[in-house]
Amino acid sequence: MKARVFVTLKSGVLDPQGAAIGTALGGMGFDGVESVRQGKVFEIEMGDADEATARDQLDAMCRRLLANTVIEDYSIELG
């Protein structure tokens, strides 16, 4: 089973890297960009676990390693 984990900064947490990317895009002529928030994507190949078990394991991975839950949110996509 393949999984994708999306980790993004929580709303209200400053994102200087996203702001720098937004400024650079404006400087490159992309005028319609109002704001940019950056994040991380993890692609994880799971074994033969059923969906509920895989989701529980991925949730634990996020809470323990992949995301800093004080300032980041995460979402899990199985497919």
PDB file of N, CA and C in Angstrom:
ATOM      1  N   MET A   1       0.851  -1.170   0.000  1.00  0.00           N
ATOM      2  CA  MET A   1       0.000   0.000   0.000  1.00  0.00           C
ATOM      3  C   MET A   1       0.900   1.237   0.000  1.00  0.00           C
ATOM      4  N   LYS A   2       0.562   2.185  -0.841  1.00  0.00           N
ATOM      5  CA  LYS A   2       1.314   3.428  -0.899  1.00  0.00           C
ATOM      6  C   LYS A   2       0.597   4.505  -0.104  1.00  0.00           C
ATOM      7  N   ALA A   3       1.395   5.346   0.531  1.00  0.00           N
ATOM      8  CA  ALA A   3       0.825   6.444   1.313  1.00  0.00           C
ATOM      9  C   ALA A   3       1.592   7.717   1.017  1.00  0.00           C
ATOM     10  N   ARG A   4       0.901   8.812   1.109  1.00  0.00           N
ATOM     11  CA  ARG A   4       1.515  10.131   1.054  1.00  0.00           C
ATOM     12  C   ARG A   4       1.122  10.871   2.314  1.00  0.00           C
ATOM     13  N   VAL A   5       2.120  11.485   2.927  1.00  0.00           N
ATOM     14  CA  VAL A   5       1.894  12.283   4.116  1.00  0.00           C
ATOM     15  C   VAL A   5       2.266  13.717   3.778  1.00  0.00           C
ATOM     16  N   PHE A   6       1.328  14.627   3.960  1.00  0.00           N
ATOM     17  CA  PHE A   6       1.529  16.049   3.688  1.00  0.00           C
ATOM     18  C   PHE A   6       1.684  16.771   5.020  1.00  0.00           C
ATOM     19  N   VAL A   7       2.788  17.494   5.174  1.00  0.00           N
ATOM     20  CA  VAL A   7       3.063  18.222   6.411  1.00  0.00           C
ATOM     21  C   VAL A   7       3.158  19.703   6.061  1.00  0.00           C
ATOM     22  N   THR A   8       2.353  20.517   6.728  1.00  0.00           N
ATOM     23  CA  THR A   8       2.345  21.960   6.479  1.00  0.00           C
ATOM     24  C   THR A   8       2.346  22.713   7.805  1.00  0.00           C
ATOM     25  N   LEU A   9       2.811  23.940   7.747  1.00  0.00           N
ATOM     26  CA  LEU A   9       2.784  24.768   8.947  1.00  0.00           C
ATOM     27  C   LEU A   9       1.341  25.090   9.312  1.00  0.00           C
ATOM     28  N   LYS A  10       1.062  25.141  10.595  1.00  0.00           N
ATOM     29  CA  LYS A  10      -0.276  25.494  11.054  1.00  0.00           C
ATOM     30  C   LYS A  10      -0.590  26.936  10.673  1.00  0.00           C
ATOM     31  N   SER A  11      -1.865  27.205  10.513  1.00  0.00           N
ATOM     32  CA  SER A  11      -2.314  28.560  10.236  1.00  0.00           C
ATOM     33  C   SER A  11      -1.850  29.471  11.369  1.00  0.00           C
ATOM     34  N   GLY A  12      -1.308  30.609  11.028  1.00  0.00           N
ATOM     35  CA  GLY A  12      -0.841  31.553  12.034  1.00  0.00           C
ATOM     36  C   GLY A  12       0.642  31.436  12.343  1.00  0.00           C
ATOM     37  N   VAL A  13       1.273  30.336  11.922  1.00  0.00           N
ATOM     38  CA  VAL A  13       2.716  30.179  12.110  1.00  0.00           C
ATOM     39  C   VAL A  13       3.414  30.865  10.933  1.00  0.00           C
ATOM     40  N   LEU A  14       4.361  31.734  11.240  1.00  0.00           N
ATOM     41  CA  LEU A  14       5.084  32.448  10.190  1.00  0.00           C
ATOM     42  C   LEU A  14       5.806  31.466   9.290  1.00  0.00           C
ATOM     43  N   ASP A  15       5.815  31.765   7.987  1.00  0.00           N
ATOM     44  CA  ASP A  15       6.445  30.903   6.991  1.00  0.00           C
ATOM     45  C   ASP A  15       7.405  31.747   6.152  1.00  0.00           C
ATOM     46  N   PRO A  16       8.609  32.048   6.668  1.00  0.00           N
ATOM     47  CA  PRO A  16       9.532  32.895   5.916  1.00  0.00           C
ATOM     48  C   PRO A  16       9.975  32.278   4.597  1.00  0.00           C
ATOM     49  N   GLN A  17      10.093  30.954   4.530  1.00  0.00           N
ATOM     50  CA  GLN A  17      10.475  30.324   3.270  1.00  0.00           C
ATOM     51  C   GLN A  17       9.367  30.490   2.236  1.00  0.00           C
ATOM     52  N   GLY A  18       8.130  30.309   2.641  1.00  0.00           N
ATOM     53  CA  GLY A  18       7.003  30.526   1.725  1.00  0.00           C
ATOM     54  C   GLY A  18       6.952  31.964   1.249  1.00  0.00           C
ATOM     55  N   ALA A  19       7.199  32.916   2.159  1.00  0.00           N
ATOM     56  CA  ALA A  19       7.202  34.336   1.787  1.00  0.00           C
ATOM     57  C   ALA A  19       8.311  34.626   0.786  1.00  0.00           C
ATOM     58  N   ALA A  20       9.493  34.037   0.990  1.00  0.00           N
ATOM     59  CA  ALA A  20      10.605  34.243   0.060  1.00  0.00           C
ATOM     60  C   ALA A  20      10.281  33.668  -1.315  1.00  0.00           C
ATOM     61  N   ILE A  21       9.635  32.521  -1.352  1.00  0.00           N
ATOM     62  CA  ILE A  21       9.231  31.921  -2.625  1.00  0.00           C
ATOM     63  C   ILE A  21       8.211  32.815  -3.320  1.00  0.00           C
ATOM     64  N   GLY A  22       7.246  33.321  -2.558  1.00  0.00           N
ATOM     65  CA  GLY A  22       6.246  34.228  -3.139  1.00  0.00           C
ATOM     66  C   GLY A  22       6.879  35.469  -3.726  1.00  0.00           C
ATOM     67  N   THR A  23       7.853  36.051  -3.022  1.00  0.00           N
ATOM     68  CA  THR A  23       8.557  37.232  -3.517  1.00  0.00           C
ATOM     69  C   THR A  23       9.323  36.901  -4.798  1.00  0.00           C
ATOM     70  N   ALA A  24       9.999  35.749  -4.802  1.00  0.00           N
ATOM     71  CA  ALA A  24      10.757  35.340  -5.990  1.00  0.00           C
ATOM     72  C   ALA A  24       9.837  35.115  -7.185  1.00  0.00           C
ATOM     73  N   LEU A  25       8.688  34.498  -6.954  1.00  0.00           N
ATOM     74  CA  LEU A  25       7.741  34.286  -8.054  1.00  0.00           C
ATOM     75  C   LEU A  25       7.255  35.607  -8.626  1.00  0.00           C
ATOM     76  N   GLY A  26       6.966  36.575  -7.740  1.00  0.00           N
ATOM     77  CA  GLY A  26       6.571  37.905  -8.211  1.00  0.00           C
ATOM     78  C   GLY A  26       7.672  38.544  -9.042  1.00  0.00           C
ATOM     79  N   GLY A  27       8.930  38.378  -8.603  1.00  0.00           N
ATOM     80  CA  GLY A  27      10.062  38.928  -9.336  1.00  0.00           C
ATOM     81  C   GLY A  27      10.280  38.260 -10.683  1.00  0.00           C
ATOM     82  N   MET A  28       9.759  37.044 -10.839  1.00  0.00           N
ATOM     83  CA  MET A  28       9.887  36.314 -12.101  1.00  0.00           C
ATOM     84  C   MET A  28       8.715  36.606 -13.038  1.00  0.00           C
ATOM     85  N   GLY A  29       7.820  37.486 -12.617  1.00  0.00           N
ATOM     86  CA  GLY A  29       6.714  37.872 -13.481  1.00  0.00           C
ATOM     87  C   GLY A  29       5.412  37.125 -13.246  1.00  0.00           C
ATOM     88  N   PHE A  30       5.337  36.304 -12.222  1.00  0.00           N
ATOM     89  CA  PHE A  30       4.092  35.608 -11.898  1.00  0.00           C
ATOM     90  C   PHE A  30       3.273  36.514 -10.985  1.00  0.00           C
ATOM     91  N   ASP A  31       2.480  37.379 -11.602  1.00  0.00           N
ATOM     92  CA  ASP A  31       1.807  38.453 -10.885  1.00  0.00           C
ATOM     93  C   ASP A  31       0.596  38.008 -10.064  1.00  0.00           C
ATOM     94  N   GLY A  32      -0.008  36.885 -10.373  1.00  0.00           N
ATOM     95  CA  GLY A  32      -1.238  36.484  -9.699  1.00  0.00           C
ATOM     96  C   GLY A  32      -1.045  35.794  -8.364  1.00  0.00           C
ATOM     97  N   VAL A  33       0.187  35.596  -7.912  1.00  0.00           N
ATOM     98  CA  VAL A  33       0.448  34.870  -6.670  1.00  0.00           C
ATOM     99  C   VAL A  33       0.247  35.811  -5.491  1.00  0.00           C
ATOM    100  N   GLU A  34      -0.718  35.493  -4.635  1.00  0.00           N
ATOM    101  CA  GLU A  34      -0.996  36.330  -3.466  1.00  0.00           C
ATOM    102  C   GLU A  34      -0.197  35.902  -2.247  1.00  0.00           C
ATOM    103  N   SER A  35      -0.033  34.592  -2.048  1.00  0.00           N
ATOM    104  CA  SER A  35       0.767  34.108  -0.928  1.00  0.00           C
ATOM    105  C   SER A  35       1.203  32.679  -1.219  1.00  0.00           C
ATOM    106  N   VAL A  36       2.254  32.259  -0.531  1.00  0.00           N
ATOM    107  CA  VAL A  36       2.783  30.902  -0.683  1.00  0.00           C
ATOM    108  C   VAL A  36       3.050  30.341   0.708  1.00  0.00           C
ATOM    109  N   ARG A  37       2.631  29.111   0.946  1.00  0.00           N
ATOM    110  CA  ARG A  37       2.966  28.370   2.164  1.00  0.00           C
ATOM    111  C   ARG A  37       3.701  27.117   1.699  1.00  0.00           C
ATOM    112  N   GLN A  38       4.839  26.839   2.279  1.00  0.00           N
ATOM    113  CA  GLN A  38       5.605  25.662   1.884  1.00  0.00           C
ATOM    114  C   GLN A  38       5.359  24.530   2.860  1.00  0.00           C
ATOM    115  N   GLY A  39       5.665  23.324   2.430  1.00  0.00           N
ATOM    116  CA  GLY A  39       5.497  22.156   3.278  1.00  0.00           C
ATOM    117  C   GLY A  39       6.364  21.011   2.797  1.00  0.00           C
ATOM    118  N   LYS A  40       6.051  19.817   3.293  1.00  0.00           N
ATOM    119  CA  LYS A  40       6.808  18.620   2.943  1.00  0.00           C
ATOM    120  C   LYS A  40       5.829  17.522   2.544  1.00  0.00           C
ATOM    121  N   VAL A  41       6.298  16.643   1.651  1.00  0.00           N
ATOM    122  CA  VAL A  41       5.524  15.466   1.272  1.00  0.00           C
ATOM    123  C   VAL A  41       6.418  14.244   1.462  1.00  0.00           C
ATOM    124  N   PHE A  42       5.890  13.240   2.147  1.00  0.00           N
ATOM    125  CA  PHE A  42       6.589  11.974   2.323  1.00  0.00           C
ATOM    126  C   PHE A  42       5.811  10.903   1.574  1.00  0.00           C
ATOM    127  N   GLU A  43       6.483  10.150   0.719  1.00  0.00           N
ATOM    128  CA  GLU A  43       5.868   9.002   0.051  1.00  0.00           C
ATOM    129  C   GLU A  43       6.392   7.756   0.736  1.00  0.00           C
ATOM    130  N   ILE A  44       5.480   6.983   1.285  1.00  0.00           N
ATOM    131  CA  ILE A  44       5.855   5.817   2.094  1.00  0.00           C
ATOM    132  C   ILE A  44       5.176   4.583   1.522  1.00  0.00           C
ATOM    133  N   GLU A  45       5.959   3.541   1.289  1.00  0.00           N
ATOM    134  CA  GLU A  45       5.429   2.260   0.830  1.00  0.00           C
ATOM    135  C   GLU A  45       5.222   1.382   2.060  1.00  0.00           C
ATOM    136  N   MET A  46       3.977   1.000   2.293  1.00  0.00           N
ATOM    137  CA  MET A  46       3.639   0.170   3.448  1.00  0.00           C
ATOM    138  C   MET A  46       3.574  -1.293   3.003  1.00  0.00           C
ATOM    139  N   GLY A  47       3.704  -2.205   3.956  1.00  0.00           N
ATOM    140  CA  GLY A  47       3.581  -3.631   3.669  1.00  0.00           C
ATOM    141  C   GLY A  47       2.130  -4.004   3.419  1.00  0.00           C
ATOM    142  N   ASP A  48       1.786  -5.206   3.754  1.00  0.00           N
ATOM    143  CA  ASP A  48       0.445  -5.735   3.487  1.00  0.00           C
ATOM    144  C   ASP A  48      -0.573  -5.414   4.570  1.00  0.00           C
ATOM    145  N   ALA A  49      -0.342  -4.374   5.328  1.00  0.00           N
ATOM    146  CA  ALA A  49      -1.265  -4.003   6.403  1.00  0.00           C
ATOM    147  C   ALA A  49      -2.608  -3.568   5.823  1.00  0.00           C
ATOM    148  N   ASP A  50      -3.672  -3.828   6.577  1.00  0.00           N
ATOM    149  CA  ASP A  50      -4.974  -3.329   6.141  1.00  0.00           C
ATOM    150  C   ASP A  50      -4.999  -1.805   6.318  1.00  0.00           C
ATOM    151  N   GLU A  51      -5.977  -1.159   5.719  1.00  0.00           N
ATOM    152  CA  GLU A  51      -6.027   0.303   5.697  1.00  0.00           C
ATOM    153  C   GLU A  51      -6.054   0.919   7.098  1.00  0.00           C
ATOM    154  N   ALA A  52      -6.824   0.364   7.997  1.00  0.00           N
ATOM    155  CA  ALA A  52      -6.921   0.916   9.350  1.00  0.00           C
ATOM    156  C   ALA A  52      -5.591   0.814  10.086  1.00  0.00           C
ATOM    157  N   THR A  53      -4.920  -0.324   9.969  1.00  0.00           N
ATOM    158  CA  THR A  53      -3.616  -0.507  10.615  1.00  0.00           C
ATOM    159  C   THR A  53      -2.579   0.422  10.012  1.00  0.00           C
ATOM    160  N   ALA A  54      -2.570   0.519   8.687  1.00  0.00           N
ATOM    161  CA  ALA A  54      -1.622   1.412   8.013  1.00  0.00           C
ATOM    162  C   ALA A  54      -1.844   2.855   8.457  1.00  0.00           C
ATOM    163  N   ARG A  55      -3.101   3.278   8.521  1.00  0.00           N
ATOM    164  CA  ARG A  55      -3.404   4.648   8.933  1.00  0.00           C
ATOM    165  C   ARG A  55      -2.944   4.896  10.377  1.00  0.00           C
ATOM    166  N   ASP A  56      -3.159   3.918  11.257  1.00  0.00           N
ATOM    167  CA  ASP A  56      -2.703   4.052  12.650  1.00  0.00           C
ATOM    168  C   ASP A  56      -1.184   4.168  12.720  1.00  0.00           C
ATOM    169  N   GLN A  57      -0.487   3.336  11.952  1.00  0.00           N
ATOM    170  CA  GLN A  57       0.978   3.379  11.943  1.00  0.00           C
ATOM    171  C   GLN A  57       1.484   4.710  11.389  1.00  0.00           C
ATOM    172  N   LEU A  58       0.888   5.182  10.310  1.00  0.00           N
ATOM    173  CA  LEU A  58       1.290   6.458   9.713  1.00  0.00           C
ATOM    174  C   LEU A  58       1.032   7.620  10.661  1.00  0.00           C
ATOM    175  N   ASP A  59      -0.088   7.564  11.356  1.00  0.00           N
ATOM    176  CA  ASP A  59      -0.399   8.604  12.335  1.00  0.00           C
ATOM    177  C   ASP A  59       0.673   8.636  13.431  1.00  0.00           C
ATOM    178  N   ALA A  60       1.074   7.470  13.901  1.00  0.00           N
ATOM    179  CA  ALA A  60       2.121   7.395  14.921  1.00  0.00           C
ATOM    180  C   ALA A  60       3.455   7.923  14.374  1.00  0.00           C
ATOM    181  N   MET A  61       3.771   7.583  13.130  1.00  0.00           N
ATOM    182  CA  MET A  61       4.996   8.090  12.501  1.00  0.00           C
ATOM    183  C   MET A  61       4.998   9.617  12.456  1.00  0.00           C
ATOM    184  N   CYS A  62       3.858  10.182  12.113  1.00  0.00           N
ATOM    185  CA  CYS A  62       3.752  11.640  12.032  1.00  0.00           C
ATOM    186  C   CYS A  62       3.934  12.278  13.403  1.00  0.00           C
ATOM    187  N   ARG A  63       3.262  11.751  14.387  1.00  0.00           N
ATOM    188  CA  ARG A  63       3.333  12.320  15.732  1.00  0.00           C
ATOM    189  C   ARG A  63       4.721  12.176  16.355  1.00  0.00           C
ATOM    190  N   ARG A  64       5.433  11.102  15.996  1.00  0.00           N
ATOM    191  CA  ARG A  64       6.727  10.832  16.631  1.00  0.00           C
ATOM    192  C   ARG A  64       7.929  11.358  15.853  1.00  0.00           C
ATOM    193  N   LEU A  65       7.800  11.519  14.516  1.00  0.00           N
ATOM    194  CA  LEU A  65       8.984  11.874  13.737  1.00  0.00           C
ATOM    195  C   LEU A  65       8.731  12.847  12.591  1.00  0.00           C
ATOM    196  N   LEU A  66       7.726  12.586  11.782  1.00  0.00           N
ATOM    197  CA  LEU A  66       7.591  13.316  10.518  1.00  0.00           C
ATOM    198  C   LEU A  66       7.106  14.750  10.672  1.00  0.00           C
ATOM    199  N   ALA A  67       6.341  15.032  11.700  1.00  0.00           N
ATOM    200  CA  ALA A  67       5.786  16.377  11.881  1.00  0.00           C
ATOM    201  C   ALA A  67       6.076  16.887  13.287  1.00  0.00           C
ATOM    202  N   ASN A  68       6.330  18.166  13.383  1.00  0.00           N
ATOM    203  CA  ASN A  68       6.424  18.832  14.686  1.00  0.00           C
ATOM    204  C   ASN A  68       5.016  19.337  14.981  1.00  0.00           C
ATOM    205  N   THR A  69       4.260  18.566  15.742  1.00  0.00           N
ATOM    206  CA  THR A  69       2.836  18.853  15.917  1.00  0.00           C
ATOM    207  C   THR A  69       2.554  20.141  16.691  1.00  0.00           C
ATOM    208  N   VAL A  70       3.581  20.754  17.252  1.00  0.00           N
ATOM    209  CA  VAL A  70       3.387  22.044  17.913  1.00  0.00           C
ATOM    210  C   VAL A  70       3.126  23.119  16.860  1.00  0.00           C
ATOM    211  N   ILE A  71       3.832  23.048  15.727  1.00  0.00           N
ATOM    212  CA  ILE A  71       3.702  24.093  14.705  1.00  0.00           C
ATOM    213  C   ILE A  71       3.249  23.572  13.348  1.00  0.00           C
ATOM    214  N   GLU A  72       3.107  22.244  13.193  1.00  0.00           N
ATOM    215  CA  GLU A  72       2.751  21.683  11.891  1.00  0.00           C
ATOM    216  C   GLU A  72       1.503  20.808  11.992  1.00  0.00           C
ATOM    217  N   ASP A  73       0.742  20.833  10.894  1.00  0.00           N
ATOM    218  CA  ASP A  73      -0.379  19.909  10.705  1.00  0.00           C
ATOM    219  C   ASP A  73       0.053  18.855   9.696  1.00  0.00           C
ATOM    220  N   TYR A  74      -0.636  17.725   9.691  1.00  0.00           N
ATOM    221  CA  TYR A  74      -0.342  16.704   8.689  1.00  0.00           C
ATOM    222  C   TYR A  74      -1.641  16.053   8.236  1.00  0.00           C
ATOM    223  N   SER A  75      -1.587  15.523   7.017  1.00  0.00           N
ATOM    224  CA  SER A  75      -2.700  14.737   6.507  1.00  0.00           C
ATOM    225  C   SER A  75      -2.127  13.509   5.808  1.00  0.00           C
ATOM    226  N   ILE A  76      -2.906  12.447   5.820  1.00  0.00           N
ATOM    227  CA  ILE A  76      -2.471  11.161   5.271  1.00  0.00           C
ATOM    228  C   ILE A  76      -3.386  10.789   4.132  1.00  0.00           C
ATOM    229  N   GLU A  77      -2.769  10.375   3.018  1.00  0.00           N
ATOM    230  CA  GLU A  77      -3.516   9.936   1.840  1.00  0.00           C
ATOM    231  C   GLU A  77      -3.061   8.515   1.510  1.00  0.00           C
ATOM    232  N   LEU A  78      -3.977   7.583   1.509  1.00  0.00           N
ATOM    233  CA  LEU A  78      -3.655   6.197   1.164  1.00  0.00           C
ATOM    234  C   LEU A  78      -4.145   5.912  -0.242  1.00  0.00           C
ATOM    235  N   GLY A  79      -3.387   5.109  -0.960  1.00  0.00           N
ATOM    236  CA  GLY A  79      -3.804   4.791  -2.324  1.00  0.00           C
ATOM    237  C   GLY A  79      -3.088   3.631  -2.900  1.00  0.00           C
TER     238      GLY A  79
END
